[in-house]
Amino acid sequence: MDSWFEVALVATIFAVGNILFGHFEERTPKWRRVAKVIVFLAVTRLIAVQFGRPWSYLVIAIPLALVLVIHGWWLPRQGINGWTAEPRERYYKFRGWTLPPDRR
């Protein structure tokens, strides 16, 4: 089975997501961000080939729904803006990061 469309869809979601939400991952190591993309693309391809297109769409939809829930509902309940990650102090504390010296 040809799974190019599913892989392209996931790659597009990651590209748009990194543009819009990259500030949420500014302190995440680059290797980890790259590994996440590779793993998601590989899992999508594997599921599309082994189980078919409908299952691959489900695997794409579930993490997308989780992202929407986290950014649209859960983060605001924690006092963090789901779009801007502000206030930075609270978001950094949530992620276990320390503020840069110029932001303290």
Protein backbone atom coordinates (compact mmCIF):
# COMPACT_ATOMS: atom_id res chain seq x y z
CA MET A 1 0.00 0.00 0.00
CA ASP A 2 1.19 3.46 -0.83
CA SER A 3 1.34 5.66 2.28
CA TRP A 4 2.87 8.84 0.90
CA PHE A 5 -0.22 10.93 1.64
CA GLU A 6 -0.34 9.99 5.32
CA VAL A 7 3.37 10.65 5.75
CA ALA A 8 3.04 14.00 3.94
CA LEU A 9 0.08 14.90 6.16
CA VAL A 10 2.04 14.18 9.34
CA ALA A 11 5.07 16.09 8.02
CA THR A 12 2.82 19.07 7.21
CA ILE A 13 1.25 18.97 10.66
CA PHE A 14 4.72 18.99 12.23
CA ALA A 15 5.87 21.86 10.00
CA VAL A 16 2.85 24.01 10.82
CA GLY A 17 3.01 22.99 14.47
CA ASN A 18 6.67 23.97 14.75
CA ILE A 19 5.94 27.34 13.19
CA LEU A 20 2.96 28.08 15.44
CA PHE A 21 3.98 26.29 18.65
CA GLY A 22 7.78 26.09 18.44
CA HIS A 23 8.08 28.45 21.38
CA PHE A 24 6.71 25.68 23.61
CA GLU A 25 9.80 23.60 22.81
CA GLU A 26 12.49 26.28 22.84
CA ARG A 27 14.55 24.51 25.51
CA THR A 28 13.95 20.96 24.31
CA PRO A 29 17.14 19.44 22.85
CA LYS A 30 17.21 19.50 19.05
CA TRP A 31 17.94 15.77 18.82
CA ARG A 32 14.76 15.05 20.76
CA ARG A 33 12.64 17.24 18.49
CA VAL A 34 14.09 15.58 15.39
CA ALA A 35 13.61 12.10 16.89
CA LYS A 36 9.95 12.88 17.62
CA VAL A 37 9.30 13.74 13.97
CA ILE A 38 11.09 10.63 12.72
CA VAL A 39 9.23 8.36 15.14
CA PHE A 40 5.83 9.83 14.24
CA LEU A 41 6.54 9.52 10.51
CA ALA A 42 7.74 5.92 10.92
CA VAL A 43 4.75 4.91 13.06
CA THR A 44 2.34 6.54 10.62
CA ARG A 45 3.94 4.72 7.70
CA LEU A 46 3.97 1.39 9.53
CA ILE A 47 0.32 1.65 10.53
CA ALA A 48 -0.76 2.80 7.05
CA VAL A 49 1.01 -0.12 5.42
CA GLN A 50 0.06 -2.79 7.96
CA PHE A 51 -3.48 -1.78 8.90
CA GLY A 52 -4.68 0.61 6.21
CA ARG A 53 -5.50 4.24 5.68
CA PRO A 54 -8.41 4.58 8.17
CA TRP A 55 -6.23 3.40 11.06
CA SER A 56 -3.43 5.74 10.09
CA TYR A 57 -5.87 8.65 10.13
CA LEU A 58 -6.93 7.61 13.62
CA VAL A 59 -3.30 7.56 14.73
CA ILE A 60 -2.89 11.06 13.28
CA ALA A 61 -6.11 12.36 14.86
CA ILE A 62 -5.46 11.15 18.42
CA PRO A 63 -2.24 13.15 19.05
CA LEU A 64 -3.77 16.12 17.24
CA ALA A 65 -6.78 16.00 19.57
CA LEU A 66 -4.46 15.71 22.59
CA VAL A 67 -2.53 18.79 21.47
CA LEU A 68 -5.77 20.74 21.12
CA VAL A 69 -6.93 19.64 24.58
CA ILE A 70 -3.59 20.50 26.19
CA HIS A 71 -3.18 23.90 24.52
CA GLY A 72 -6.84 24.88 24.51
CA TRP A 73 -8.03 23.58 27.88
CA TRP A 74 -5.40 22.13 30.22
CA LEU A 75 -2.70 24.83 30.00
CA PRO A 76 -5.21 27.68 30.52
CA ARG A 77 -6.51 25.86 33.62
CA GLN A 78 -2.93 25.91 34.93
CA GLY A 79 -2.76 29.67 34.39
CA ILE A 80 -0.65 29.40 31.22
CA ASN A 81 -1.78 30.85 27.90
CA GLY A 82 -2.03 27.90 25.50
CA TRP A 83 -1.04 30.01 22.50
CA THR A 84 1.77 32.20 23.87
CA ALA A 85 3.09 30.13 26.82
CA GLU A 86 2.77 33.14 29.09
CA PRO A 87 3.46 33.93 31.81
CA ARG A 88 6.90 32.55 30.96
CA GLU A 89 7.83 32.04 34.60
CA ARG A 90 4.89 29.70 35.17
CA TYR A 91 5.43 27.80 31.91
CA TYR A 92 9.15 27.34 32.55
CA LYS A 93 8.39 26.08 36.05
CA PHE A 94 5.82 23.67 34.58
CA ARG A 95 8.43 22.32 32.14
CA GLY A 96 11.14 22.14 34.82
CA TRP A 97 13.29 24.75 33.06
CA THR A 98 15.03 27.75 34.59
CA LEU A 99 14.51 31.25 33.31
CA PRO A 100 17.40 32.81 31.40
CA PRO A 101 19.32 35.38 33.50
CA ASP A 102 17.99 38.30 31.44
CA ARG A 103 14.34 37.29 32.21
CA ARG A 104 14.65 37.12 36.01
